[in-house]
Amino acid sequence: MTNKVALITGGSRGLGRSAAEHLAARGIDVLFTYRSRREEADAVVSAITAAGARAAALALDVGDSATFASFTQAVREQLARWDVQRLDFLVNNAGIGIHAPFAQTTEAQFDELVRVHLKGPFFLTQALLPLLADGGRILNVSSGLARFAVPGYAAYAAMKGGVEVLTRYQAKELGARRIRVNTLAPGAIETDFGGGVVRDDATMNQALAAQTALGRVGLPEDIGAAVAALLSDDTGWVNGQRVEASGGMFL
């Protein structure tokens, strides 16, 4: 029996890598993208292969929509090498972090966030729709910052708010194909995102843990497990929803 196949953007590190490994542990083959660090991508392929699933890494800059047609063709060719025709899951995870107060945010910073966090997932998903199986699932990664406000993230959070609205429209418009679309919104996680401040700055880490009901910040494994759960058959009736995985931040 052919395994199901997931495509994860930004799967070579952090939350994306954890998601890829959790899905592989459930017997799902994984295509994932990386932007520039091929050695990290190769390490993920090796780890997933060792776990008994298939994996392949494809280069992609989600902020460059002009490449999406050629990327889609590359995905099609990789699926053919695996003798499958369709993707079952798409996880729009890739992103960047820009920290700047509202009053000092530049137009260049804003435009880059639009390209990576809103325009990218919008048009990449559109390009991949012909490859997504009927009954498949899309998971868009947002942020707890779309619910609670932390100074310095106005532009970033605005993009994630857009992603959450987009999710509901996708769920509505793709429902005829039984494609379910949800948003996963992580809270503060110990990764290298945004310069690794949550992971490496002990004062910041402790302050955020104090504002979290479970008394700590999140780990990549917390989010990887949540991704796998939201793509599983157990959550097949969850559609068009925002699910926050933050341990209860700022309740």
Protein backbone atom coordinates (compact mmCIF):
# COMPACT_ATOMS: atom_id res chain seq x y z
CA MET A 1 0.00 0.00 0.00
CA THR A 2 1.40 3.40 -0.99
CA ASN A 3 2.12 5.77 1.87
CA LYS A 4 0.44 9.14 2.00
CA VAL A 5 2.64 12.09 1.07
CA ALA A 6 3.05 15.44 2.82
CA LEU A 7 4.72 18.60 1.51
CA ILE A 8 6.09 20.92 4.19
CA THR A 9 7.61 24.28 3.40
CA GLY A 10 10.57 25.19 5.58
CA GLY A 11 11.10 21.61 6.69
CA SER A 12 14.85 21.54 7.19
CA ARG A 13 14.91 23.07 10.68
CA GLY A 14 12.84 24.09 13.68
CA LEU A 15 9.12 23.48 13.62
CA GLY A 16 9.11 22.23 10.04
CA ARG A 17 11.72 19.57 10.77
CA SER A 18 9.82 18.41 13.84
CA ALA A 19 6.62 18.19 11.79
CA ALA A 20 8.40 16.19 9.08
CA GLU A 21 9.79 13.73 11.61
CA HIS A 22 6.47 13.29 13.41
CA LEU A 23 4.67 12.62 10.13
CA ALA A 24 7.36 10.16 9.05
CA ALA A 25 6.93 8.33 12.35
CA ARG A 26 3.30 7.81 11.33
CA GLY A 27 4.35 6.27 8.01
CA ILE A 28 3.85 9.37 5.87
CA ASP A 29 6.38 10.15 3.15
CA VAL A 30 7.65 13.73 3.25
CA LEU A 31 8.64 16.27 0.65
CA PHE A 32 9.97 19.42 2.24
CA THR A 33 11.56 22.65 1.16
CA TYR A 34 14.66 24.47 2.29
CA ARG A 35 15.92 27.87 1.29
CA SER A 36 19.71 27.68 1.31
CA ARG A 37 21.20 25.23 3.80
CA ARG A 38 21.43 22.02 1.83
CA GLU A 39 23.41 20.22 4.54
CA GLU A 40 20.55 20.69 7.03
CA ALA A 41 18.07 19.40 4.45
CA ASP A 42 20.20 16.33 3.77
CA ALA A 43 20.33 15.58 7.49
CA VAL A 44 16.52 15.60 7.68
CA VAL A 45 16.26 13.30 4.65
CA SER A 46 18.67 10.89 6.34
CA ALA A 47 16.74 10.96 9.63
CA ILE A 48 13.40 10.31 7.95
CA THR A 49 14.83 7.54 5.78
CA ALA A 50 16.29 5.91 8.88
CA ALA A 51 12.80 6.02 10.40
CA GLY A 52 11.46 3.98 7.49
CA ALA A 53 9.67 6.62 5.40
CA ARG A 54 10.70 8.30 2.17
CA ALA A 55 11.88 11.88 2.06
CA ALA A 56 13.14 14.39 -0.47
CA ALA A 57 14.24 18.02 -0.14
CA LEU A 58 13.54 20.68 -2.76
CA ALA A 59 14.96 24.19 -2.77
CA LEU A 60 12.36 26.99 -2.61
CA ASP A 61 12.19 30.63 -1.63
CA VAL A 62 8.54 31.08 -0.64
CA GLY A 63 9.00 34.81 -1.06
CA ASP A 64 9.62 34.42 -4.81
CA SER A 65 6.29 33.57 -6.41
CA ALA A 66 7.83 33.64 -9.90
CA THR A 67 9.39 30.24 -9.13
CA PHE A 68 6.20 28.50 -8.07
CA ALA A 69 5.36 27.03 -11.49
CA SER A 70 8.79 25.42 -11.83
CA PHE A 71 8.67 24.26 -8.23
CA THR A 72 5.29 22.62 -8.81
CA GLN A 73 6.79 20.76 -11.76
CA ALA A 74 9.66 19.60 -9.55
CA VAL A 75 7.13 18.30 -7.02
CA ARG A 76 5.27 16.49 -9.80
CA GLU A 77 8.51 14.85 -10.95
CA GLN A 78 9.42 13.76 -7.43
CA LEU A 79 6.00 12.22 -6.91
CA ALA A 80 6.45 10.32 -10.17
CA ARG A 81 9.75 8.93 -8.90
CA TRP A 82 7.83 7.60 -5.93
CA ASP A 83 5.13 6.27 -8.29
CA VAL A 84 2.39 8.40 -6.74
CA GLN A 85 0.21 11.00 -8.38
CA ARG A 86 -0.98 13.28 -5.61
CA LEU A 87 -0.05 15.06 -2.41
CA ASP A 88 -2.24 14.27 0.58
CA PHE A 89 -1.10 17.08 2.88
CA LEU A 90 0.32 20.57 2.44
CA VAL A 91 1.82 22.41 5.43
CA ASN A 92 2.58 26.08 4.80
CA ASN A 93 5.20 26.55 7.48
CA ALA A 94 8.17 28.47 6.03
CA GLY A 95 8.70 31.93 7.44
CA ILE A 96 11.03 34.62 8.70
CA GLY A 97 10.97 36.78 11.78
CA ILE A 98 11.36 40.54 11.67
CA HIS A 99 11.21 42.42 14.97
CA ALA A 100 10.59 46.14 14.68
CA PRO A 101 8.36 48.60 16.54
CA PHE A 102 5.36 49.75 14.55
CA ALA A 103 6.69 53.32 14.31
CA GLN A 104 10.04 52.15 12.92
CA THR A 105 8.92 49.33 10.59
CA THR A 106 10.15 50.06 7.07
CA GLU A 107 8.24 49.50 3.87
CA ALA A 108 10.95 47.07 2.78
CA GLN A 109 10.46 44.99 5.94
CA PHE A 110 6.70 45.04 5.49
CA ASP A 111 6.93 44.00 1.84
CA GLU A 112 9.28 41.12 2.66
CA LEU A 113 6.85 39.84 5.30
CA VAL A 114 4.00 40.06 2.79
CA ARG A 115 5.94 38.06 0.22
CA VAL A 116 6.99 35.32 2.61
CA HIS A 117 4.02 35.01 4.97
CA LEU A 118 0.95 35.96 2.94
CA LYS A 119 1.57 36.16 -0.81
CA GLY A 120 3.77 33.07 -0.71
CA PRO A 121 1.30 30.68 0.95
CA PHE A 122 -1.57 32.15 -1.09
CA PHE A 123 -0.04 31.57 -4.50
CA LEU A 124 2.00 28.47 -3.67
CA THR A 125 -1.14 26.71 -2.47
CA GLN A 126 -2.91 27.87 -5.61
CA ALA A 127 -0.11 26.44 -7.78
CA LEU A 128 -0.14 23.10 -5.94
CA LEU A 129 -3.92 22.61 -5.95
CA PRO A 130 -3.86 20.39 -9.08
CA LEU A 131 -1.49 18.03 -7.24
CA LEU A 132 -3.47 17.95 -3.99
CA ALA A 133 -5.72 14.94 -3.64
CA ASP A 134 -9.45 15.32 -3.18
CA GLY A 135 -10.01 14.76 0.52
CA GLY A 136 -6.54 16.11 1.27
CA ARG A 137 -5.61 18.63 3.93
CA ILE A 138 -3.92 21.99 4.12
CA LEU A 139 -2.45 23.35 7.34
CA ASN A 140 -1.37 26.99 7.45
CA VAL A 141 0.99 27.97 10.25
CA SER A 142 0.12 31.23 12.00
CA SER A 143 1.26 32.53 15.39
CA GLY A 144 -0.05 33.22 18.85
CA LEU A 145 0.89 36.83 18.05
CA ALA A 146 -2.25 37.08 15.92
CA ARG A 147 -4.26 36.78 19.17
CA PHE A 148 -2.12 38.55 21.75
CA ALA A 149 -0.03 41.66 21.13
CA VAL A 150 3.69 41.83 21.90
CA PRO A 151 5.38 45.12 20.91
CA GLY A 152 7.67 44.80 17.91
CA TYR A 153 5.64 42.34 15.89
CA ALA A 154 2.89 44.48 14.36
CA ALA A 155 3.78 43.73 10.74
CA TYR A 156 4.54 40.05 11.32
CA ALA A 157 1.34 39.49 13.26
CA ALA A 158 -0.72 41.34 10.65
CA MET A 159 0.46 38.83 8.04
CA LYS A 160 -0.51 35.95 10.28
CA GLY A 161 -3.93 37.51 10.81
CA GLY A 162 -4.29 37.50 7.03
CA VAL A 163 -3.32 33.84 6.92
CA GLU A 164 -6.03 33.00 9.44
CA VAL A 165 -8.70 34.74 7.35
CA LEU A 166 -7.34 33.06 4.21
CA THR A 167 -7.67 29.68 5.92
CA ARG A 168 -11.41 30.14 6.38
CA TYR A 169 -11.89 31.15 2.75
CA GLN A 170 -9.87 28.19 1.54
CA ALA A 171 -11.90 25.83 3.71
CA LYS A 172 -15.10 27.26 2.25
CA GLU A 173 -14.01 27.26 -1.39
CA LEU A 174 -12.21 23.90 -1.37
CA GLY A 175 -14.91 22.09 0.56
CA ALA A 176 -16.43 20.73 -2.66
CA ARG A 177 -13.24 18.69 -3.06
CA ARG A 178 -13.41 17.62 0.60
CA ILE A 179 -10.12 19.40 1.24
CA ARG A 180 -9.94 20.48 4.86
CA VAL A 181 -7.98 23.61 5.75
CA ASN A 182 -6.97 24.71 9.23
CA THR A 183 -4.57 27.09 10.96
CA LEU A 184 -2.08 26.06 13.62
CA ALA A 185 -0.88 28.96 15.77
CA PRO A 186 2.21 28.18 17.87
CA GLY A 187 3.13 30.24 20.89
CA ALA A 188 6.72 30.97 21.96
CA ILE A 189 8.97 28.08 20.90
CA GLU A 190 12.64 27.36 21.52
CA THR A 191 14.03 27.51 17.96
CA ASP A 192 16.43 29.72 15.99
CA PHE A 193 13.45 31.73 14.69
CA GLY A 194 13.91 35.47 15.07
CA GLY A 195 17.56 35.04 15.99
CA GLY A 196 16.81 32.35 18.58
CA VAL A 197 15.73 34.87 21.21
CA VAL A 198 13.23 32.56 22.95
CA ARG A 199 15.77 29.73 23.05
CA ASP A 200 18.91 31.68 23.89
CA ASP A 201 17.81 34.65 26.00
CA ALA A 202 17.20 33.22 29.47
CA THR A 203 15.42 36.34 30.68
CA MET A 204 13.03 36.32 27.71
CA ASN A 205 12.47 32.58 28.08
CA GLN A 206 11.59 32.89 31.76
CA ALA A 207 9.32 35.88 31.20
CA LEU A 208 7.33 34.03 28.54
CA ALA A 209 7.19 30.87 30.64
CA ALA A 210 5.72 32.95 33.48
CA GLN A 211 2.92 34.06 31.13
CA THR A 212 2.13 30.50 30.09
CA ALA A 213 -0.34 28.36 32.01
CA LEU A 214 1.84 25.25 31.74
CA GLY A 215 4.86 27.13 33.07
CA ARG A 216 7.30 26.79 30.19
CA VAL A 217 7.77 27.85 26.59
CA GLY A 218 7.22 25.35 23.81
CA LEU A 219 9.63 22.96 22.16
CA PRO A 220 9.68 22.04 18.46
CA GLU A 221 8.35 18.58 19.36
CA ASP A 222 5.22 20.17 20.82
CA ILE A 223 4.39 21.67 17.45
CA GLY A 224 5.47 18.71 15.35
CA ALA A 225 3.09 16.52 17.33
CA ALA A 226 0.29 19.05 16.89
CA VAL A 227 0.84 19.14 13.12
CA ALA A 228 0.64 15.36 12.93
CA ALA A 229 -2.53 15.35 15.04
CA LEU A 230 -4.27 17.97 12.91
CA LEU A 231 -3.48 16.05 9.72
CA SER A 232 -4.64 12.72 11.13
CA ASP A 233 -7.99 11.06 10.52
CA ASP A 234 -8.82 11.70 14.18
CA THR A 235 -9.38 15.39 13.37
CA GLY A 236 -11.16 14.84 10.08
CA TRP A 237 -14.20 16.89 11.15
CA VAL A 238 -12.09 19.90 12.14
CA ASN A 239 -12.21 22.38 9.27
CA GLY A 240 -11.72 26.13 8.85
CA GLN A 241 -10.45 26.45 12.42
CA ARG A 242 -7.63 28.21 14.22
CA VAL A 243 -5.96 25.89 16.74
CA GLU A 244 -3.46 27.51 19.08
CA ALA A 245 -0.63 25.38 20.50
CA SER A 246 0.92 27.67 23.09
CA GLY A 247 0.59 25.89 26.41
CA GLY A 248 -1.92 28.57 27.38
CA MET A 249 -0.05 31.85 26.81
CA PHE A 250 -1.59 35.12 27.99
CA LEU A 251 -4.88 33.58 29.08
